[in-house]
Amino acid sequence: MRSNQDPALLQAFAAEIKARRTASGVSQEGLAYASGVNRTFVAKLELGQTSPSLTTIFRLAEGLEIGPDEMIQSTMRRYKKELRARAKAE
């Protein structure tokens, strides 16, 4: 099976989740509990090792007390910066 994951997008989402969680003063365990997901899953998301489902994005946004639209827009800003940085490195 061919992977269609975008590493830059996964990294942008990982950075966004971690930044928002840290700014809120919430542990991975606290975010996991508030979101109804496993703590190890939150850790893997923050490391960019796994891709979240749409349901997970909504749950994480709720756990962070933000709208899913805000999460997606912030991730897109990070993603565009990541792409620019990768283009400069090439």
C-alpha atoms as a PDB file:
ATOM      1  CA  MET A   1       0.000   0.000   0.000  1.00  0.00           C
ATOM      2  CA  ARG A   2       1.350   3.390  -0.970  1.00  0.00           C
ATOM      3  CA  SER A   3       1.451   6.093   1.670  1.00  0.00           C
ATOM      4  CA  ASN A   4      -0.101   9.390   0.694  1.00  0.00           C
ATOM      5  CA  GLN A   5       0.885  11.234   3.866  1.00  0.00           C
ATOM      6  CA  ASP A   6       2.398  14.696   3.510  1.00  0.00           C
ATOM      7  CA  PRO A   7       5.275  14.941   6.016  1.00  0.00           C
ATOM      8  CA  ALA A   8       5.194  18.755   6.018  1.00  0.00           C
ATOM      9  CA  LEU A   9       1.475  18.768   6.794  1.00  0.00           C
ATOM     10  CA  LEU A  10       1.878  16.190   9.568  1.00  0.00           C
ATOM     11  CA  GLN A  11       4.695  18.270  11.058  1.00  0.00           C
ATOM     12  CA  ALA A  12       2.595  21.442  10.892  1.00  0.00           C
ATOM     13  CA  PHE A  13      -0.307  19.732  12.662  1.00  0.00           C
ATOM     14  CA  ALA A  14       2.070  18.265  15.243  1.00  0.00           C
ATOM     15  CA  ALA A  15       3.545  21.673  16.003  1.00  0.00           C
ATOM     16  CA  GLU A  16       0.102  23.277  16.226  1.00  0.00           C
ATOM     17  CA  ILE A  17      -1.248  20.703  18.680  1.00  0.00           C
ATOM     18  CA  LYS A  18       1.838  20.889  20.871  1.00  0.00           C
ATOM     19  CA  ALA A  19       1.958  24.697  20.845  1.00  0.00           C
ATOM     20  CA  ARG A  20      -1.706  25.051  21.749  1.00  0.00           C
ATOM     21  CA  ARG A  21      -1.522  22.392  24.431  1.00  0.00           C
ATOM     22  CA  THR A  22       1.590  23.944  25.971  1.00  0.00           C
ATOM     23  CA  ALA A  23       0.120  27.467  25.833  1.00  0.00           C
ATOM     24  CA  SER A  24      -2.964  26.173  27.631  1.00  0.00           C
ATOM     25  CA  GLY A  25      -0.823  24.612  30.348  1.00  0.00           C
ATOM     26  CA  VAL A  26      -2.343  21.196  29.686  1.00  0.00           C
ATOM     27  CA  SER A  27      -0.394  17.926  29.773  1.00  0.00           C
ATOM     28  CA  GLN A  28      -0.667  15.333  27.029  1.00  0.00           C
ATOM     29  CA  GLU A  29      -2.677  13.249  29.467  1.00  0.00           C
ATOM     30  CA  GLY A  30      -4.998  16.167  30.198  1.00  0.00           C
ATOM     31  CA  LEU A  31      -5.571  16.844  26.516  1.00  0.00           C
ATOM     32  CA  ALA A  32      -6.145  13.153  25.863  1.00  0.00           C
ATOM     33  CA  TYR A  33      -8.734  12.972  28.636  1.00  0.00           C
ATOM     34  CA  ALA A  34     -10.503  16.159  27.513  1.00  0.00           C
ATOM     35  CA  SER A  35     -10.523  14.910  23.925  1.00  0.00           C
ATOM     36  CA  GLY A  36     -11.488  11.304  24.578  1.00  0.00           C
ATOM     37  CA  VAL A  37      -8.356   9.862  22.979  1.00  0.00           C
ATOM     38  CA  ASN A  38      -5.385   7.910  24.312  1.00  0.00           C
ATOM     39  CA  ARG A  39      -2.356   9.793  25.679  1.00  0.00           C
ATOM     40  CA  THR A  40       0.050   7.795  23.522  1.00  0.00           C
ATOM     41  CA  PHE A  41      -1.988   8.826  20.480  1.00  0.00           C
ATOM     42  CA  VAL A  42      -1.583  12.500  21.457  1.00  0.00           C
ATOM     43  CA  ALA A  43       2.172  11.907  21.784  1.00  0.00           C
ATOM     44  CA  LYS A  44       2.328  10.314  18.325  1.00  0.00           C
ATOM     45  CA  LEU A  45       0.354  13.231  16.864  1.00  0.00           C
ATOM     46  CA  GLU A  46       2.747  15.719  18.449  1.00  0.00           C
ATOM     47  CA  LEU A  47       5.698  13.845  16.970  1.00  0.00           C
ATOM     48  CA  GLY A  48       4.100  13.791  13.521  1.00  0.00           C
ATOM     49  CA  GLN A  49       4.103   9.998  13.537  1.00  0.00           C
ATOM     50  CA  THR A  50       0.417   9.543  12.800  1.00  0.00           C
ATOM     51  CA  SER A  51      -2.333  11.332  10.964  1.00  0.00           C
ATOM     52  CA  PRO A  52      -5.560  12.288  12.748  1.00  0.00           C
ATOM     53  CA  SER A  53      -9.006  11.456  11.455  1.00  0.00           C
ATOM     54  CA  LEU A  54     -11.603  14.162  11.003  1.00  0.00           C
ATOM     55  CA  THR A  55     -13.293  12.972  14.203  1.00  0.00           C
ATOM     56  CA  THR A  56     -10.004  13.249  16.088  1.00  0.00           C
ATOM     57  CA  ILE A  57      -9.427  16.790  14.828  1.00  0.00           C
ATOM     58  CA  PHE A  58     -12.839  17.803  16.159  1.00  0.00           C
ATOM     59  CA  ARG A  59     -12.209  16.059  19.483  1.00  0.00           C
ATOM     60  CA  LEU A  60      -8.802  17.679  19.914  1.00  0.00           C
ATOM     61  CA  ALA A  61     -10.214  21.093  19.092  1.00  0.00           C
ATOM     62  CA  GLU A  62     -12.918  20.572  21.708  1.00  0.00           C
ATOM     63  CA  GLY A  63     -10.305  19.436  24.223  1.00  0.00           C
ATOM     64  CA  LEU A  64      -8.284  22.582  23.500  1.00  0.00           C
ATOM     65  CA  GLU A  65     -11.450  24.685  23.706  1.00  0.00           C
ATOM     66  CA  ILE A  66     -11.110  26.077  20.202  1.00  0.00           C
ATOM     67  CA  GLY A  67     -13.105  25.620  17.037  1.00  0.00           C
ATOM     68  CA  PRO A  68     -11.954  23.010  14.538  1.00  0.00           C
ATOM     69  CA  ASP A  69     -11.855  25.753  11.921  1.00  0.00           C
ATOM     70  CA  GLU A  70      -9.320  27.684  14.006  1.00  0.00           C
ATOM     71  CA  MET A  71      -7.210  24.532  14.352  1.00  0.00           C
ATOM     72  CA  ILE A  72      -7.259  23.928  10.591  1.00  0.00           C
ATOM     73  CA  GLN A  73      -6.482  27.554   9.711  1.00  0.00           C
ATOM     74  CA  SER A  74      -3.564  27.687  12.155  1.00  0.00           C
ATOM     75  CA  THR A  75      -2.250  24.388  10.827  1.00  0.00           C
ATOM     76  CA  MET A  76      -2.446  25.731   7.264  1.00  0.00           C
ATOM     77  CA  ARG A  77      -0.377  28.786   8.217  1.00  0.00           C
ATOM     78  CA  ARG A  78       2.260  26.510   9.761  1.00  0.00           C
ATOM     79  CA  TYR A  79       2.101  24.197   6.734  1.00  0.00           C
ATOM     80  CA  LYS A  80       2.769  27.044   4.308  1.00  0.00           C
ATOM     81  CA  LYS A  81       5.744  28.178   6.420  1.00  0.00           C
ATOM     82  CA  GLU A  82       7.039  24.599   6.492  1.00  0.00           C
ATOM     83  CA  LEU A  83       6.776  24.339   2.700  1.00  0.00           C
ATOM     84  CA  ARG A  84       8.619  27.637   2.248  1.00  0.00           C
ATOM     85  CA  ALA A  85      11.367  26.502   4.620  1.00  0.00           C
ATOM     86  CA  ARG A  86      11.741  23.197   2.777  1.00  0.00           C
ATOM     87  CA  ALA A  87      11.874  24.986  -0.585  1.00  0.00           C
ATOM     88  CA  LYS A  88      14.664  27.270   0.668  1.00  0.00           C
ATOM     89  CA  ALA A  89      16.618  24.278   1.957  1.00  0.00           C
ATOM     90  CA  GLU A  90      16.587  22.601  -1.462  1.00  0.00           C
END
